[in-house]
Amino acid sequence: MKKDTEKWIKAGSILAKDPTEKVLCPVCQKKNLEVEDIRSETNPDMVERYLFCFACGAKNVLRLNRPKSA
């Protein structure tokens, strides 16, 4: 597995649990990743979590299924 891929997996694992965590960009290591959640219009339990770096332009997306609120 590529080193960048491993870093993205680690960053994604952290930010999947807590989007407010400070995680350095896996590519440039200069700035923390920014996080934006977008809820699916067709499936309200699904969220796409966009991760991006303003320093180098790197980006990635997590697709998360959230359990229904009680």
PDB file of N, CA and C in Angstrom:
ATOM      1  N   MET A   1       0.849  -1.176   0.000  1.00  0.00           N
ATOM      2  CA  MET A   1       0.000   0.000   0.000  1.00  0.00           C
ATOM      3  C   MET A   1       0.892   1.235   0.000  1.00  0.00           C
ATOM      4  N   LYS A   2       0.525   2.243  -0.796  1.00  0.00           N
ATOM      5  CA  LYS A   2       1.291   3.476  -0.863  1.00  0.00           C
ATOM      6  C   LYS A   2       1.262   4.198   0.476  1.00  0.00           C
ATOM      7  N   LYS A   3       2.331   4.927   0.748  1.00  0.00           N
ATOM      8  CA  LYS A   3       2.436   5.655   2.010  1.00  0.00           C
ATOM      9  C   LYS A   3       1.322   6.699   2.145  1.00  0.00           C
ATOM     10  N   ASP A   4       1.018   7.440   1.050  1.00  0.00           N
ATOM     11  CA  ASP A   4      -0.060   8.430   1.105  1.00  0.00           C
ATOM     12  C   ASP A   4      -1.403   7.769   1.397  1.00  0.00           C
ATOM     13  N   THR A   5      -1.639   6.598   0.830  1.00  0.00           N
ATOM     14  CA  THR A   5      -2.893   5.885   1.068  1.00  0.00           C
ATOM     15  C   THR A   5      -3.027   5.537   2.542  1.00  0.00           C
ATOM     16  N   GLU A   6      -1.966   5.054   3.132  1.00  0.00           N
ATOM     17  CA  GLU A   6      -1.981   4.724   4.562  1.00  0.00           C
ATOM     18  C   GLU A   6      -2.274   5.963   5.400  1.00  0.00           C
ATOM     19  N   LYS A   7      -1.694   7.099   5.017  1.00  0.00           N
ATOM     20  CA  LYS A   7      -1.924   8.346   5.754  1.00  0.00           C
ATOM     21  C   LYS A   7      -3.371   8.819   5.619  1.00  0.00           C
ATOM     22  N   TRP A   8      -3.939   8.669   4.410  1.00  0.00           N
ATOM     23  CA  TRP A   8      -5.338   9.053   4.217  1.00  0.00           C
ATOM     24  C   TRP A   8      -6.262   8.159   5.036  1.00  0.00           C
ATOM     25  N   ILE A   9      -5.966   6.872   5.092  1.00  0.00           N
ATOM     26  CA  ILE A   9      -6.786   5.946   5.881  1.00  0.00           C
ATOM     27  C   ILE A   9      -6.753   6.326   7.354  1.00  0.00           C
ATOM     28  N   LYS A  10      -5.572   6.652   7.847  1.00  0.00           N
ATOM     29  CA  LYS A  10      -5.440   7.054   9.255  1.00  0.00           C
ATOM     30  C   LYS A  10      -6.207   8.354   9.514  1.00  0.00           C
ATOM     31  N   ALA A  11      -6.044   9.343   8.630  1.00  0.00           N
ATOM     32  CA  ALA A  11      -6.757  10.617   8.779  1.00  0.00           C
ATOM     33  C   ALA A  11      -8.262  10.387   8.717  1.00  0.00           C
ATOM     34  N   GLY A  12      -8.704   9.579   7.762  1.00  0.00           N
ATOM     35  CA  GLY A  12     -10.126   9.293   7.619  1.00  0.00           C
ATOM     36  C   GLY A  12     -10.706   8.595   8.829  1.00  0.00           C
ATOM     37  N   SER A  13      -9.955   7.684   9.406  1.00  0.00           N
ATOM     38  CA  SER A  13     -10.420   6.972  10.604  1.00  0.00           C
ATOM     39  C   SER A  13     -10.635   7.937  11.769  1.00  0.00           C
ATOM     40  N   ILE A  14      -9.716   8.873  11.927  1.00  0.00           N
ATOM     41  CA  ILE A  14      -9.826   9.858  13.001  1.00  0.00           C
ATOM     42  C   ILE A  14     -11.018  10.781  12.756  1.00  0.00           C
ATOM     43  N   LEU A  15     -11.116  11.302  11.531  1.00  0.00           N
ATOM     44  CA  LEU A  15     -12.165  12.275  11.221  1.00  0.00           C
ATOM     45  C   LEU A  15     -13.541  11.646  11.051  1.00  0.00           C
ATOM     46  N   ALA A  16     -13.602  10.337  10.819  1.00  0.00           N
ATOM     47  CA  ALA A  16     -14.902   9.651  10.783  1.00  0.00           C
ATOM     48  C   ALA A  16     -15.516   9.626  12.175  1.00  0.00           C
ATOM     49  N   LYS A  17     -14.686   9.496  13.185  1.00  0.00           N
ATOM     50  CA  LYS A  17     -15.162   9.456  14.569  1.00  0.00           C
ATOM     51  C   LYS A  17     -15.457  10.848  15.113  1.00  0.00           C
ATOM     52  N   ASP A  18     -14.587  11.824  14.756  1.00  0.00           N
ATOM     53  CA  ASP A  18     -14.731  13.175  15.289  1.00  0.00           C
ATOM     54  C   ASP A  18     -14.249  14.190  14.258  1.00  0.00           C
ATOM     55  N   PRO A  19     -15.173  14.837  13.541  1.00  0.00           N
ATOM     56  CA  PRO A  19     -14.773  15.773  12.494  1.00  0.00           C
ATOM     57  C   PRO A  19     -14.116  17.052  13.012  1.00  0.00           C
ATOM     58  N   THR A  20     -14.106  17.253  14.325  1.00  0.00           N
ATOM     59  CA  THR A  20     -13.471  18.447  14.884  1.00  0.00           C
ATOM     60  C   THR A  20     -12.003  18.228  15.236  1.00  0.00           C
ATOM     61  N   GLU A  21     -11.537  16.986  15.133  1.00  0.00           N
ATOM     62  CA  GLU A  21     -10.126  16.692  15.420  1.00  0.00           C
ATOM     63  C   GLU A  21      -9.225  17.467  14.463  1.00  0.00           C
ATOM     64  N   LYS A  22      -8.049  17.824  14.920  1.00  0.00           N
ATOM     65  CA  LYS A  22      -7.047  18.490  14.089  1.00  0.00           C
ATOM     66  C   LYS A  22      -6.134  17.426  13.501  1.00  0.00           C
ATOM     67  N   VAL A  23      -6.181  17.283  12.164  1.00  0.00           N
ATOM     68  CA  VAL A  23      -5.393  16.265  11.478  1.00  0.00           C
ATOM     69  C   VAL A  23      -4.626  16.931  10.347  1.00  0.00           C
ATOM     70  N   LEU A  24      -3.309  16.808  10.374  1.00  0.00           N
ATOM     71  CA  LEU A  24      -2.495  17.385   9.307  1.00  0.00           C
ATOM     72  C   LEU A  24      -2.782  16.703   7.980  1.00  0.00           C
ATOM     73  N   CYS A  25      -2.686  17.472   6.913  1.00  0.00           N
ATOM     74  CA  CYS A  25      -2.878  16.935   5.568  1.00  0.00           C
ATOM     75  C   CYS A  25      -1.917  15.779   5.342  1.00  0.00           C
ATOM     76  N   PRO A  26      -2.422  14.642   4.893  1.00  0.00           N
ATOM     77  CA  PRO A  26      -1.565  13.483   4.640  1.00  0.00           C
ATOM     78  C   PRO A  26      -0.579  13.693   3.486  1.00  0.00           C
ATOM     79  N   VAL A  27      -0.845  14.672   2.636  1.00  0.00           N
ATOM     80  CA  VAL A  27       0.010  14.895   1.471  1.00  0.00           C
ATOM     81  C   VAL A  27       1.130  15.879   1.780  1.00  0.00           C
ATOM     82  N   CYS A  28       0.774  17.097   2.226  1.00  0.00           N
ATOM     83  CA  CYS A  28       1.799  18.137   2.402  1.00  0.00           C
ATOM     84  C   CYS A  28       2.251  18.319   3.850  1.00  0.00           C
ATOM     85  N   GLN A  29       1.440  17.882   4.809  1.00  0.00           N
ATOM     86  CA  GLN A  29       1.758  18.014   6.236  1.00  0.00           C
ATOM     87  C   GLN A  29       1.944  19.478   6.664  1.00  0.00           C
ATOM     88  N   LYS A  30       1.299  20.425   5.935  1.00  0.00           N
ATOM     89  CA  LYS A  30       1.468  21.851   6.250  1.00  0.00           C
ATOM     90  C   LYS A  30       0.285  22.446   6.998  1.00  0.00           C
ATOM     91  N   LYS A  31      -0.922  21.999   6.679  1.00  0.00           N
ATOM     92  CA  LYS A  31      -2.132  22.536   7.310  1.00  0.00           C
ATOM     93  C   LYS A  31      -3.021  21.383   7.749  1.00  0.00           C
ATOM     94  N   ASN A  32      -3.887  21.673   8.702  1.00  0.00           N
ATOM     95  CA  ASN A  32      -4.886  20.688   9.103  1.00  0.00           C
ATOM     96  C   ASN A  32      -5.941  20.569   8.015  1.00  0.00           C
ATOM     97  N   LEU A  33      -6.479  19.375   7.868  1.00  0.00           N
ATOM     98  CA  LEU A  33      -7.553  19.155   6.909  1.00  0.00           C
ATOM     99  C   LEU A  33      -8.799  19.908   7.343  1.00  0.00           C
ATOM    100  N   GLU A  34      -9.514  20.445   6.386  1.00  0.00           N
ATOM    101  CA  GLU A  34     -10.820  21.054   6.615  1.00  0.00           C
ATOM    102  C   GLU A  34     -11.867  19.969   6.351  1.00  0.00           C
ATOM    103  N   VAL A  35     -12.978  20.041   7.059  1.00  0.00           N
ATOM    104  CA  VAL A  35     -14.016  19.022   6.949  1.00  0.00           C
ATOM    105  C   VAL A  35     -15.360  19.689   6.660  1.00  0.00           C
ATOM    106  N   GLU A  36     -16.087  19.113   5.709  1.00  0.00           N
ATOM    107  CA  GLU A  36     -17.441  19.577   5.421  1.00  0.00           C
ATOM    108  C   GLU A  36     -18.332  18.354   5.235  1.00  0.00           C
ATOM    109  N   ASP A  37     -19.436  18.318   5.968  1.00  0.00           N
ATOM    110  CA  ASP A  37     -20.397  17.221   5.856  1.00  0.00           C
ATOM    111  C   ASP A  37     -21.557  17.643   4.972  1.00  0.00           C
ATOM    112  N   ILE A  38     -21.944  16.751   4.070  1.00  0.00           N
ATOM    113  CA  ILE A  38     -23.107  16.971   3.232  1.00  0.00           C
ATOM    114  C   ILE A  38     -24.008  15.757   3.362  1.00  0.00           C
ATOM    115  N   ARG A  39     -25.220  15.994   3.846  1.00  0.00           N
ATOM    116  CA  ARG A  39     -26.184  14.911   4.039  1.00  0.00           C
ATOM    117  C   ARG A  39     -26.866  14.603   2.715  1.00  0.00           C
ATOM    118  N   SER A  40     -27.045  13.340   2.455  1.00  0.00           N
ATOM    119  CA  SER A  40     -27.709  12.885   1.238  1.00  0.00           C
ATOM    120  C   SER A  40     -29.176  13.316   1.244  1.00  0.00           C
ATOM    121  N   GLU A  41     -29.640  13.821   0.116  1.00  0.00           N
ATOM    122  CA  GLU A  41     -31.044  14.212   0.012  1.00  0.00           C
ATOM    123  C   GLU A  41     -31.950  12.992  -0.103  1.00  0.00           C
ATOM    124  N   THR A  42     -31.422  11.905  -0.650  1.00  0.00           N
ATOM    125  CA  THR A  42     -32.234  10.705  -0.850  1.00  0.00           C
ATOM    126  C   THR A  42     -32.152   9.729   0.314  1.00  0.00           C
ATOM    127  N   ASN A  43     -31.092   9.807   1.109  1.00  0.00           N
ATOM    128  CA  ASN A  43     -30.917   8.920   2.249  1.00  0.00           C
ATOM    129  C   ASN A  43     -30.427   9.749   3.430  1.00  0.00           C
ATOM    130  N   PRO A  44     -31.316  10.202   4.305  1.00  0.00           N
ATOM    131  CA  PRO A  44     -30.919  11.091   5.399  1.00  0.00           C
ATOM    132  C   PRO A  44     -29.945  10.478   6.406  1.00  0.00           C
ATOM    133  N   ASP A  45     -29.772   9.160   6.365  1.00  0.00           N
ATOM    134  CA  ASP A  45     -28.814   8.521   7.270  1.00  0.00           C
ATOM    135  C   ASP A  45     -27.395   8.514   6.705  1.00  0.00           C
ATOM    136  N   MET A  46     -27.234   8.918   5.443  1.00  0.00           N
ATOM    137  CA  MET A  46     -25.912   8.907   4.826  1.00  0.00           C
ATOM    138  C   MET A  46     -25.339  10.322   4.769  1.00  0.00           C
ATOM    139  N   VAL A  47     -24.068  10.415   5.150  1.00  0.00           N
ATOM    140  CA  VAL A  47     -23.347  11.682   5.111  1.00  0.00           C
ATOM    141  C   VAL A  47     -22.076  11.471   4.297  1.00  0.00           C
ATOM    142  N   GLU A  48     -21.794  12.424   3.415  1.00  0.00           N
ATOM    143  CA  GLU A  48     -20.499  12.435   2.743  1.00  0.00           C
ATOM    144  C   GLU A  48     -19.659  13.479   3.455  1.00  0.00           C
ATOM    145  N   ARG A  49     -18.514  13.045   3.967  1.00  0.00           N
ATOM    146  CA  ARG A  49     -17.603  13.930   4.692  1.00  0.00           C
ATOM    147  C   ARG A  49     -16.433  14.260   3.770  1.00  0.00           C
ATOM    148  N   TYR A  50     -16.397  15.508   3.330  1.00  0.00           N
ATOM    149  CA  TYR A  50     -15.335  15.963   2.424  1.00  0.00           C
ATOM    150  C   TYR A  50     -14.156  16.460   3.244  1.00  0.00           C
ATOM    151  N   LEU A  51     -12.980  15.969   2.919  1.00  0.00           N
ATOM    152  CA  LEU A  51     -11.736  16.360   3.579  1.00  0.00           C
ATOM    153  C   LEU A  51     -10.886  17.084   2.544  1.00  0.00           C
ATOM    154  N   PHE A  52     -10.391  18.268   2.894  1.00  0.00           N
ATOM    155  CA  PHE A  52      -9.571  18.986   1.928  1.00  0.00           C
ATOM    156  C   PHE A  52      -8.535  19.853   2.618  1.00  0.00           C
ATOM    157  N   CYS A  53      -7.463  20.128   1.874  1.00  0.00           N
ATOM    158  CA  CYS A  53      -6.340  20.908   2.372  1.00  0.00           C
ATOM    159  C   CYS A  53      -6.227  22.183   1.543  1.00  0.00           C
ATOM    160  N   PHE A  54      -6.264  23.319   2.216  1.00  0.00           N
ATOM    161  CA  PHE A  54      -6.135  24.585   1.514  1.00  0.00           C
ATOM    162  C   PHE A  54      -4.696  24.885   1.111  1.00  0.00           C
ATOM    163  N   ALA A  55      -3.733  24.209   1.697  1.00  0.00           N
ATOM    164  CA  ALA A  55      -2.326  24.460   1.356  1.00  0.00           C
ATOM    165  C   ALA A  55      -1.937  23.829   0.021  1.00  0.00           C
ATOM    166  N   CYS A  56      -2.319  22.579  -0.187  1.00  0.00           N
ATOM    167  CA  CYS A  56      -1.855  21.876  -1.394  1.00  0.00           C
ATOM    168  C   CYS A  56      -2.989  21.442  -2.328  1.00  0.00           C
ATOM    169  N   GLY A  57      -4.237  21.571  -1.882  1.00  0.00           N
ATOM    170  CA  GLY A  57      -5.369  21.205  -2.719  1.00  0.00           C
ATOM    171  C   GLY A  57      -5.755  19.734  -2.658  1.00  0.00           C
ATOM    172  N   ALA A  58      -5.109  18.966  -1.804  1.00  0.00           N
ATOM    173  CA  ALA A  58      -5.456  17.544  -1.673  1.00  0.00           C
ATOM    174  C   ALA A  58      -6.874  17.407  -1.142  1.00  0.00           C
ATOM    175  N   LYS A  59      -7.582  16.367  -1.608  1.00  0.00           N
ATOM    176  CA  LYS A  59      -8.939  16.136  -1.119  1.00  0.00           C
ATOM    177  C   LYS A  59      -9.289  14.664  -1.159  1.00  0.00           C
ATOM    178  N   ASN A  60     -10.262  14.320  -0.329  1.00  0.00           N
ATOM    179  CA  ASN A  60     -10.755  12.962  -0.244  1.00  0.00           C
ATOM    180  C   ASN A  60     -12.163  13.014   0.332  1.00  0.00           C
ATOM    181  N   VAL A  61     -12.907  11.929   0.201  1.00  0.00           N
ATOM    182  CA  VAL A  61     -14.287  11.893   0.677  1.00  0.00           C
ATOM    183  C   VAL A  61     -14.530  10.598   1.433  1.00  0.00           C
ATOM    184  N   LEU A  62     -15.237  10.717   2.554  1.00  0.00           N
ATOM    185  CA  LEU A  62     -15.697   9.546   3.306  1.00  0.00           C
ATOM    186  C   LEU A  62     -17.213   9.469   3.145  1.00  0.00           C
ATOM    187  N   ARG A  63     -17.729   8.294   2.987  1.00  0.00           N
ATOM    188  CA  ARG A  63     -19.182   8.100   2.985  1.00  0.00           C
ATOM    189  C   ARG A  63     -19.531   7.377   4.268  1.00  0.00           C
ATOM    190  N   LEU A  64     -20.352   8.023   5.094  1.00  0.00           N
ATOM    191  CA  LEU A  64     -20.682   7.494   6.402  1.00  0.00           C
ATOM    192  C   LEU A  64     -22.184   7.257   6.511  1.00  0.00           C
ATOM    193  N   ASN A  65     -22.539   6.122   7.040  1.00  0.00           N
ATOM    194  CA  ASN A  65     -23.933   5.830   7.348  1.00  0.00           C
ATOM    195  C   ASN A  65     -24.113   6.024   8.839  1.00  0.00           C
ATOM    196  N   ARG A  66     -25.000   6.920   9.184  1.00  0.00           N
ATOM    197  CA  ARG A  66     -25.267   7.219  10.588  1.00  0.00           C
ATOM    198  C   ARG A  66     -26.526   6.483  11.034  1.00  0.00           C
ATOM    199  N   PRO A  67     -26.491   5.907  12.228  1.00  0.00           N
ATOM    200  CA  PRO A  67     -27.703   5.259  12.729  1.00  0.00           C
ATOM    201  C   PRO A  67     -28.798   6.296  12.948  1.00  0.00           C
ATOM    202  N   LYS A  68     -30.030   5.871  12.787  1.00  0.00           N
ATOM    203  CA  LYS A  68     -31.161   6.765  12.996  1.00  0.00           C
ATOM    204  C   LYS A  68     -31.213   7.189  14.438  1.00  0.00           C
ATOM    205  N   SER A  69     -31.554   8.459  14.667  1.00  0.00           N
ATOM    206  CA  SER A  69     -31.680   8.977  16.018  1.00  0.00           C
ATOM    207  C   SER A  69     -32.932   8.408  16.667  1.00  0.00           C
ATOM    208  N   ALA A  70     -32.823   8.144  17.940  1.00  0.00           N
ATOM    209  CA  ALA A  70     -33.985   7.614  18.676  1.00  0.00           C
ATOM    210  C   ALA A  70     -34.898   8.712  19.111  1.00  0.00           C
TER     211      ALA A  70
END
